[in-house]
Amino acid sequence: MIYRKFGKTGIDISALGFGGMRFESSQSPEDCAMLIQAGYDAGINYFDTAPIYCNGKSEEYYGRAFAEMKKTRTQKPFYVATKTFESREPKIRRDLENSLKRLGLDCIDFYYIWCILRPEQYRERVGRGLLDAFVRLKEQGLIRHICFSTHMSGNEIEKVIYDYPFDGVLLGYSAMNFAYREMALSFAEKAKCGVAVMNPLGGGLIPQNPQRFSFLKQRQEETVVEAALRFLLNDPRITTMLVGMGKMKHLQEALSAVDGFKAIPAENIEKIRLGLKEAFNELCTGCGYCNYCPEGIPVPKLMDSYNQYLLSHKKQAIADRMKWHWEIFYRGNHLDKCTRCMQCERSCTQHLPILARFQEIQKELPN
């Protein structure tokens, strides 16, 4: 296992983190706990979860595993991350106390302000006492490190990451969208903030499209999953990658990616970047040049949502991405403002038919 310092905390964290969002419904709680323990035995020491993962059962599965893992925690430390959506102290404290009970712990190592989608949303939540509450919980010994999770772009993340001396940031990052968020890694490094990345396999889209992402492979024998994880491992600014472990096969392949990792030369990384443009062809690479709509339409976010359809071949994926990932709910709030000025298409480095895609997106959204 590879270990890296989690920012200014100085804690050695496994480069492969155990994501607790993808346990399969057919699994028993005992099987889930055994899978978690297998990850721990293999050297994983960062375990990420949240109150609503797996229909609210994820923290309970971890709690079962931790009951056994705590017996060796002194000799073999492990660290736990969970989250809260809440912004006011009473509800934050309620969430934390419930998480501690389910996890069977006295303290959360990394407690995340969950899902910051826009800088103004962050400011609104802070205005309700969010950070003050987190600081009090830390002073009381109920949490050790204050972190935040986000789906914002790299530039937007800068506005949050320097607002408070956060210990860590959790952001979506993969070979699919690194261009959109890569700048955030530089900001985190400057702020000495640990970086955990979620969806390192593009939410499952990379393994579902092995031919499209074959350009990631550096060796003939490696799988696309191994190649995608090694691409991220090659960036030392990333502390840990959270892979959703649904079954033993997922765990074994992720461990294989780390154990077989070799540094990728800079020239090969550049080839991967060029390969991304070719493989995506009709997909938006998230360069962000279109992100200056006179009407305030979030063009990159809409094009990313359309990507989900092109990769999954499911139209519903557009609305799901907009609602759950970007928090864009109704087409009337955005696309009806379009004046068809063509500025976005003229600035698109890939010459994508953005306006035509707007029309397709509108058809898939609720009235």
Protein backbone atom coordinates (compact mmCIF):
# COMPACT_ATOMS: atom_id res chain seq x y z
CA MET A 1 0.00 0.00 0.00
CA ILE A 2 1.11 3.57 -0.72
CA TYR A 3 0.64 6.15 2.05
CA ARG A 4 0.62 9.93 1.74
CA LYS A 5 0.41 12.79 4.22
CA PHE A 6 -3.08 14.25 4.49
CA GLY A 7 -2.16 17.90 4.11
CA LYS A 8 -1.08 19.78 7.20
CA THR A 9 -2.47 17.09 9.51
CA GLY A 10 0.67 15.03 8.88
CA ILE A 11 -1.41 11.84 9.08
CA ASP A 12 -0.31 9.01 6.79
CA ILE A 13 -3.35 8.02 4.74
CA SER A 14 -3.60 5.10 2.33
CA ALA A 15 -3.64 6.23 -1.31
CA LEU A 16 -6.61 3.91 -1.76
CA GLY A 17 -9.57 4.84 0.41
CA PHE A 18 -12.60 2.66 1.06
CA GLY A 19 -15.76 4.28 -0.29
CA GLY A 20 -18.91 3.18 1.52
CA MET A 21 -21.55 4.20 -1.00
CA ARG A 22 -21.75 1.14 -3.26
CA PHE A 23 -22.48 -1.87 -1.07
CA GLU A 24 -24.89 -4.07 -3.01
CA SER A 25 -28.43 -4.54 -1.71
CA SER A 26 -28.12 -8.32 -1.91
CA GLN A 27 -25.27 -8.33 0.60
CA SER A 28 -25.86 -9.05 4.24
CA PRO A 29 -24.53 -6.66 6.91
CA GLU A 30 -22.05 -9.38 7.87
CA ASP A 31 -20.74 -9.64 4.30
CA CYS A 32 -20.35 -5.87 4.09
CA ALA A 33 -18.43 -5.81 7.37
CA MET A 34 -16.17 -8.61 6.14
CA LEU A 35 -15.42 -6.64 2.96
CA ILE A 36 -14.50 -3.58 5.02
CA GLN A 37 -12.25 -5.67 7.25
CA ALA A 38 -10.59 -7.21 4.19
CA GLY A 39 -9.72 -3.69 3.01
CA TYR A 40 -8.30 -2.86 6.43
CA ASP A 41 -6.25 -6.07 6.48
CA ALA A 42 -4.86 -5.16 3.04
CA GLY A 43 -3.58 -1.79 4.29
CA ILE A 44 -6.47 0.62 3.66
CA ASN A 45 -6.77 3.01 6.59
CA TYR A 46 -9.19 5.67 5.31
CA PHE A 47 -12.90 4.79 5.43
CA ASP A 48 -15.44 7.20 4.00
CA THR A 49 -19.20 7.09 4.54
CA ALA A 50 -22.25 9.32 5.05
CA PRO A 51 -25.58 9.06 6.90
CA ILE A 52 -27.70 8.38 3.80
CA TYR A 53 -25.38 6.06 1.85
CA CYS A 54 -26.93 2.68 1.01
CA ASN A 55 -30.37 3.73 2.23
CA GLY A 56 -28.92 4.81 5.54
CA LYS A 57 -27.15 1.50 6.22
CA SER A 58 -23.55 2.31 5.29
CA GLU A 59 -22.54 3.69 8.68
CA GLU A 60 -24.06 0.63 10.34
CA TYR A 61 -22.00 -1.68 8.12
CA TYR A 62 -18.88 0.23 9.07
CA GLY A 63 -19.86 0.06 12.73
CA ARG A 64 -19.96 -3.74 12.53
CA ALA A 65 -16.50 -3.82 10.99
CA PHE A 66 -15.05 -1.24 13.36
CA ALA A 67 -16.15 -3.27 16.39
CA GLU A 68 -13.55 -5.83 15.35
CA MET A 69 -11.01 -3.40 13.86
CA LYS A 70 -10.86 -1.35 17.07
CA LYS A 71 -9.14 -4.28 18.76
CA THR A 72 -6.00 -3.57 16.71
CA ARG A 73 -6.44 0.16 16.14
CA THR A 74 -3.59 1.13 18.46
CA GLN A 75 -1.10 -0.96 16.52
CA LYS A 76 -2.74 -0.41 13.12
CA PRO A 77 -4.54 2.96 13.00
CA PHE A 78 -7.52 3.66 10.77
CA TYR A 79 -9.37 6.90 10.11
CA VAL A 80 -13.05 7.57 9.56
CA ALA A 81 -14.73 10.25 7.46
CA THR A 82 -18.43 11.08 7.45
CA LYS A 83 -20.54 14.12 6.61
CA THR A 84 -23.49 16.40 7.32
CA PHE A 85 -25.75 18.46 5.04
CA GLU A 86 -26.88 20.61 7.96
CA SER A 87 -25.84 24.20 8.61
CA ARG A 88 -27.23 25.00 12.07
CA GLU A 89 -25.61 23.70 15.23
CA PRO A 90 -28.50 21.71 16.76
CA LYS A 91 -29.03 19.69 13.58
CA ILE A 92 -25.30 19.28 12.96
CA ARG A 93 -24.88 17.96 16.49
CA ARG A 94 -27.83 15.60 16.02
CA ASP A 95 -26.32 14.25 12.78
CA LEU A 96 -22.92 13.80 14.41
CA GLU A 97 -24.30 12.03 17.48
CA ASN A 98 -26.29 9.65 15.26
CA SER A 99 -23.23 8.92 13.13
CA LEU A 100 -21.09 8.24 16.18
CA LYS A 101 -23.70 5.84 17.51
CA ARG A 102 -24.00 3.93 14.24
CA LEU A 103 -20.23 3.81 13.75
CA GLY A 104 -19.55 2.82 17.36
CA LEU A 105 -17.01 5.61 17.79
CA ASP A 106 -16.34 8.43 20.24
CA CYS A 107 -14.91 10.80 17.65
CA ILE A 108 -14.92 11.33 13.86
CA ASP A 109 -11.46 11.87 12.39
CA PHE A 110 -12.52 13.82 9.30
CA TYR A 111 -15.93 15.52 9.46
CA TYR A 112 -17.10 17.01 6.19
CA ILE A 113 -19.30 19.97 5.40
CA TRP A 114 -21.19 18.02 2.78
CA CYS A 115 -21.84 18.97 -0.82
CA ILE A 116 -20.95 22.62 -1.36
CA LEU A 117 -22.23 23.29 -4.87
CA ARG A 118 -21.73 27.05 -5.22
CA PRO A 119 -19.60 29.68 -3.41
CA GLU A 120 -22.75 31.63 -2.51
CA GLN A 121 -24.29 28.47 -1.02
CA TYR A 122 -21.19 28.09 1.14
CA ARG A 123 -21.50 31.68 2.37
CA GLU A 124 -25.18 31.16 3.16
CA ARG A 125 -24.41 28.08 5.22
CA VAL A 126 -21.56 29.77 7.06
CA GLY A 127 -23.94 32.64 7.82
CA ARG A 128 -26.18 30.16 9.65
CA GLY A 129 -23.34 29.27 12.02
CA LEU A 130 -21.90 26.26 10.18
CA LEU A 131 -18.20 26.83 10.82
CA ASP A 132 -18.77 28.03 14.39
CA ALA A 133 -20.60 24.78 15.11
CA PHE A 134 -17.83 22.66 13.60
CA VAL A 135 -15.21 24.50 15.64
CA ARG A 136 -17.15 23.89 18.87
CA LEU A 137 -17.50 20.20 18.06
CA LYS A 138 -13.76 20.01 17.49
CA GLU A 139 -13.05 21.80 20.79
CA GLN A 140 -15.29 19.27 22.52
CA GLY A 141 -13.30 16.38 21.04
CA LEU A 142 -16.15 15.01 18.94
CA ILE A 143 -14.36 15.65 15.63
CA ARG A 144 -10.66 15.98 14.87
CA HIS A 145 -10.42 17.63 11.47
CA ILE A 146 -12.76 20.01 9.62
CA CYS A 147 -13.15 19.35 5.89
CA PHE A 148 -15.58 20.05 3.06
CA SER A 149 -16.86 18.22 -0.01
CA THR A 150 -17.76 19.89 -3.28
CA HIS A 151 -18.72 19.52 -6.94
CA MET A 152 -17.60 23.04 -7.86
CA SER A 153 -15.08 23.86 -10.56
CA GLY A 154 -11.44 24.46 -9.73
CA ASN A 155 -11.76 28.25 -9.74
CA GLU A 156 -14.86 28.17 -7.55
CA ILE A 157 -13.15 25.89 -5.04
CA GLU A 158 -10.45 28.52 -4.54
CA LYS A 159 -13.07 30.85 -3.04
CA VAL A 160 -13.80 28.31 -0.30
CA ILE A 161 -10.49 26.63 0.33
CA TYR A 162 -8.78 29.84 1.47
CA ASP A 163 -11.75 31.08 3.53
CA TYR A 164 -10.93 28.81 6.47
CA PRO A 165 -7.91 26.60 7.30
CA PHE A 166 -9.67 23.41 6.23
CA ASP A 167 -7.77 20.18 6.78
CA GLY A 168 -9.22 18.41 3.77
CA VAL A 169 -11.33 18.66 0.65
CA LEU A 170 -13.33 15.92 -1.08
CA LEU A 171 -13.99 16.48 -4.77
CA GLY A 172 -15.05 14.51 -7.82
CA TYR A 173 -11.99 13.76 -9.94
CA SER A 174 -11.23 11.25 -12.66
CA ALA A 175 -9.74 10.87 -16.12
CA MET A 176 -13.11 12.11 -17.38
CA ASN A 177 -13.21 15.50 -15.68
CA PHE A 178 -9.71 16.33 -14.43
CA ALA A 179 -9.46 19.34 -16.76
CA TYR A 180 -12.47 20.88 -15.01
CA ARG A 181 -11.09 20.52 -11.48
CA GLU A 182 -7.31 20.16 -11.82
CA MET A 183 -6.69 23.73 -10.67
CA ALA A 184 -8.29 22.83 -7.33
CA LEU A 185 -5.39 20.47 -6.59
CA SER A 186 -2.94 23.35 -6.85
CA PHE A 187 -5.06 25.46 -4.52
CA ALA A 188 -5.25 22.58 -2.03
CA GLU A 189 -1.51 22.02 -2.18
CA LYS A 190 -0.84 25.72 -1.50
CA ALA A 191 -3.28 25.65 1.43
CA LYS A 192 -1.69 22.42 2.73
CA CYS A 193 -5.10 20.81 2.51
CA GLY A 194 -5.45 17.04 2.13
CA VAL A 195 -7.27 15.89 -1.02
CA ALA A 196 -9.63 12.93 -1.20
CA VAL A 197 -11.16 12.27 -4.60
CA MET A 198 -14.56 10.67 -5.10
CA ASN A 199 -15.75 8.96 -8.27
CA PRO A 200 -12.20 8.20 -9.46
CA LEU A 201 -13.77 5.84 -12.01
CA GLY A 202 -16.26 8.41 -13.25
CA GLY A 203 -19.11 6.98 -11.22
CA GLY A 204 -18.64 3.62 -12.97
CA LEU A 205 -18.68 5.06 -16.50
CA ILE A 206 -15.00 4.32 -17.12
CA PRO A 207 -15.21 0.54 -16.49
CA GLN A 208 -18.50 0.48 -18.41
CA ASN A 209 -16.74 1.92 -21.47
CA PRO A 210 -13.38 0.09 -21.59
CA GLN A 211 -12.77 0.67 -25.30
CA ARG A 212 -13.37 4.41 -25.11
CA PHE A 213 -10.92 4.73 -22.21
CA SER A 214 -8.31 2.25 -23.43
CA PHE A 215 -5.96 5.18 -24.11
CA LEU A 216 -5.33 5.29 -20.34
CA LYS A 217 -3.55 1.94 -20.37
CA GLN A 218 0.23 2.05 -20.10
CA ARG A 219 0.71 -1.71 -20.19
CA GLN A 220 -1.04 -4.30 -22.28
CA GLU A 221 -1.95 -6.45 -19.31
CA GLU A 222 -3.54 -3.77 -17.12
CA THR A 223 -7.27 -3.24 -16.97
CA VAL A 224 -8.94 0.09 -17.68
CA VAL A 225 -9.82 0.31 -13.97
CA GLU A 226 -6.18 -0.14 -12.98
CA ALA A 227 -5.07 2.38 -15.59
CA ALA A 228 -7.62 5.00 -14.50
CA LEU A 229 -6.60 4.68 -10.84
CA ARG A 230 -2.89 4.76 -11.67
CA PHE A 231 -3.41 7.94 -13.69
CA LEU A 232 -4.67 9.56 -10.47
CA LEU A 233 -2.03 7.91 -8.31
CA ASN A 234 0.58 9.58 -10.46
CA ASP A 235 -0.46 12.98 -9.10
CA PRO A 236 1.13 13.43 -5.64
CA ARG A 237 -1.30 16.23 -4.82
CA ILE A 238 -4.03 13.60 -4.43
CA THR A 239 -3.88 12.04 -0.98
CA THR A 240 -6.43 9.27 -1.39
CA MET A 241 -8.85 7.91 -3.99
CA LEU A 242 -12.21 6.74 -2.69
CA VAL A 243 -13.21 3.65 -4.62
CA GLY A 244 -16.74 2.40 -4.00
CA MET A 245 -16.34 -1.22 -2.90
CA GLY A 246 -19.44 -3.23 -3.72
CA LYS A 247 -17.84 -6.65 -3.80
CA MET A 248 -14.51 -8.39 -3.26
CA LYS A 249 -13.69 -8.08 -6.98
CA HIS A 250 -13.80 -4.28 -6.72
CA LEU A 251 -11.47 -4.34 -3.73
CA GLN A 252 -9.01 -6.72 -5.35
CA GLU A 253 -8.80 -4.74 -8.59
CA ALA A 254 -8.30 -1.45 -6.74
CA LEU A 255 -5.59 -3.00 -4.57
CA SER A 256 -3.92 -4.38 -7.69
CA ALA A 257 -3.86 -0.88 -9.20
CA VAL A 258 -2.00 0.47 -6.19
CA ASP A 259 0.32 -2.47 -5.64
CA GLY A 260 1.36 -2.50 -9.31
CA PHE A 261 1.76 1.26 -9.63
CA LYS A 262 4.84 2.66 -11.33
CA ALA A 263 5.41 6.35 -11.95
CA ILE A 264 4.11 7.43 -15.34
CA PRO A 265 6.59 9.62 -17.28
CA ALA A 266 5.50 13.18 -18.04
CA GLU A 267 5.46 12.52 -21.79
CA ASN A 268 3.04 9.63 -21.25
CA ILE A 269 0.76 11.82 -19.16
CA GLU A 270 0.67 14.28 -22.03
CA LYS A 271 -0.30 11.47 -24.40
CA ILE A 272 -3.13 10.54 -22.03
CA ARG A 273 -4.35 14.12 -22.11
CA LEU A 274 -4.31 14.10 -25.91
CA GLY A 275 -5.99 10.69 -25.89
CA LEU A 276 -8.74 12.09 -23.71
CA LYS A 277 -9.58 14.68 -26.35
CA GLU A 278 -9.65 12.03 -29.08
CA ALA A 279 -11.62 9.50 -27.02
CA PHE A 280 -14.16 12.09 -25.98
CA ASN A 281 -14.48 13.55 -29.49
CA GLU A 282 -18.21 14.27 -29.16
CA LEU A 283 -18.00 14.61 -25.34
CA CYS A 284 -17.23 17.81 -23.49
CA THR A 285 -13.77 17.71 -21.89
CA GLY A 286 -14.65 20.44 -19.38
CA CYS A 287 -12.06 22.99 -20.47
CA GLY A 288 -14.38 25.77 -19.27
CA TYR A 289 -13.93 28.21 -22.14
CA CYS A 290 -17.72 28.36 -22.57
CA ASN A 291 -18.28 29.34 -18.95
CA TYR A 292 -19.00 33.01 -19.67
CA CYS A 293 -22.60 33.03 -20.85
CA PRO A 294 -24.06 36.60 -20.88
CA GLU A 295 -27.29 35.16 -19.43
CA GLY A 296 -25.55 33.18 -16.69
CA ILE A 297 -26.37 29.76 -18.12
CA PRO A 298 -23.96 27.19 -16.53
CA VAL A 299 -22.86 25.77 -19.88
CA PRO A 300 -20.04 23.45 -18.63
CA LYS A 301 -22.36 21.86 -16.08
CA LEU A 302 -25.03 21.25 -18.70
CA MET A 303 -22.50 19.76 -21.11
CA ASP A 304 -21.16 17.51 -18.35
CA SER A 305 -24.72 16.32 -17.76
CA TYR A 306 -25.06 15.56 -21.46
CA ASN A 307 -21.83 13.55 -21.22
CA GLN A 308 -23.58 11.19 -18.82
CA TYR A 309 -26.16 10.40 -21.49
CA LEU A 310 -23.54 9.82 -24.19
CA LEU A 311 -21.64 7.40 -21.96
CA SER A 312 -24.56 5.62 -20.32
CA HIS A 313 -26.94 5.74 -23.31
CA LYS A 314 -29.74 6.68 -20.89
CA LYS A 315 -31.55 9.99 -21.36
CA GLN A 316 -32.58 9.97 -17.68
CA ALA A 317 -28.89 10.37 -16.83
CA ILE A 318 -29.07 14.02 -17.93
CA ALA A 319 -31.72 14.99 -15.39
CA ASP A 320 -30.15 12.85 -12.66
CA ARG A 321 -26.79 14.52 -13.13
CA MET A 322 -28.30 18.00 -13.11
CA LYS A 323 -30.38 17.33 -10.03
CA TRP A 324 -28.07 15.30 -7.81
CA HIS A 325 -24.61 16.40 -8.89
CA TRP A 326 -25.06 20.02 -9.96
CA GLU A 327 -28.28 20.96 -8.12
CA ILE A 328 -29.85 22.35 -11.32
CA PHE A 329 -33.50 21.43 -10.93
CA TYR A 330 -35.73 23.18 -13.45
CA ARG A 331 -35.11 24.13 -17.05
CA GLY A 332 -36.95 27.43 -16.58
CA ASN A 333 -34.20 28.65 -14.27
CA HIS A 334 -31.56 28.36 -16.97
CA LEU A 335 -32.15 27.26 -20.52
CA ASP A 336 -35.15 29.50 -21.19
CA LYS A 337 -32.74 32.45 -20.85
CA CYS A 338 -30.73 31.36 -23.89
CA THR A 339 -30.75 34.03 -26.64
CA ARG A 340 -28.87 31.80 -29.10
CA CYS A 341 -26.08 34.35 -29.29
CA MET A 342 -23.67 31.49 -30.15
CA GLN A 343 -20.97 32.77 -27.80
CA CYS A 344 -20.64 29.36 -26.16
CA GLU A 345 -20.28 27.53 -29.48
CA ARG A 346 -17.75 30.04 -30.79
CA SER A 347 -15.62 29.58 -27.68
CA CYS A 348 -15.86 25.76 -27.67
CA THR A 349 -12.45 24.29 -28.44
CA GLN A 350 -14.13 21.08 -29.65
CA HIS A 351 -16.75 22.84 -31.81
CA LEU A 352 -19.57 20.95 -30.11
CA PRO A 353 -23.22 21.63 -31.12
CA ILE A 354 -24.02 23.17 -27.75
CA LEU A 355 -27.30 24.83 -28.72
CA ALA A 356 -28.65 21.61 -30.23
CA ARG A 357 -27.74 19.83 -26.99
CA PHE A 358 -29.57 22.51 -25.02
CA GLN A 359 -32.72 21.56 -26.91
CA GLU A 360 -32.23 17.86 -26.15
CA ILE A 361 -31.59 18.61 -22.48
CA GLN A 362 -34.78 20.67 -22.24
CA LYS A 363 -36.82 17.70 -23.47
CA GLU A 364 -35.55 15.57 -20.57
CA LEU A 365 -36.21 18.00 -17.74
CA PRO A 366 -39.43 18.44 -15.72
CA ASN A 367 -41.68 21.34 -16.64
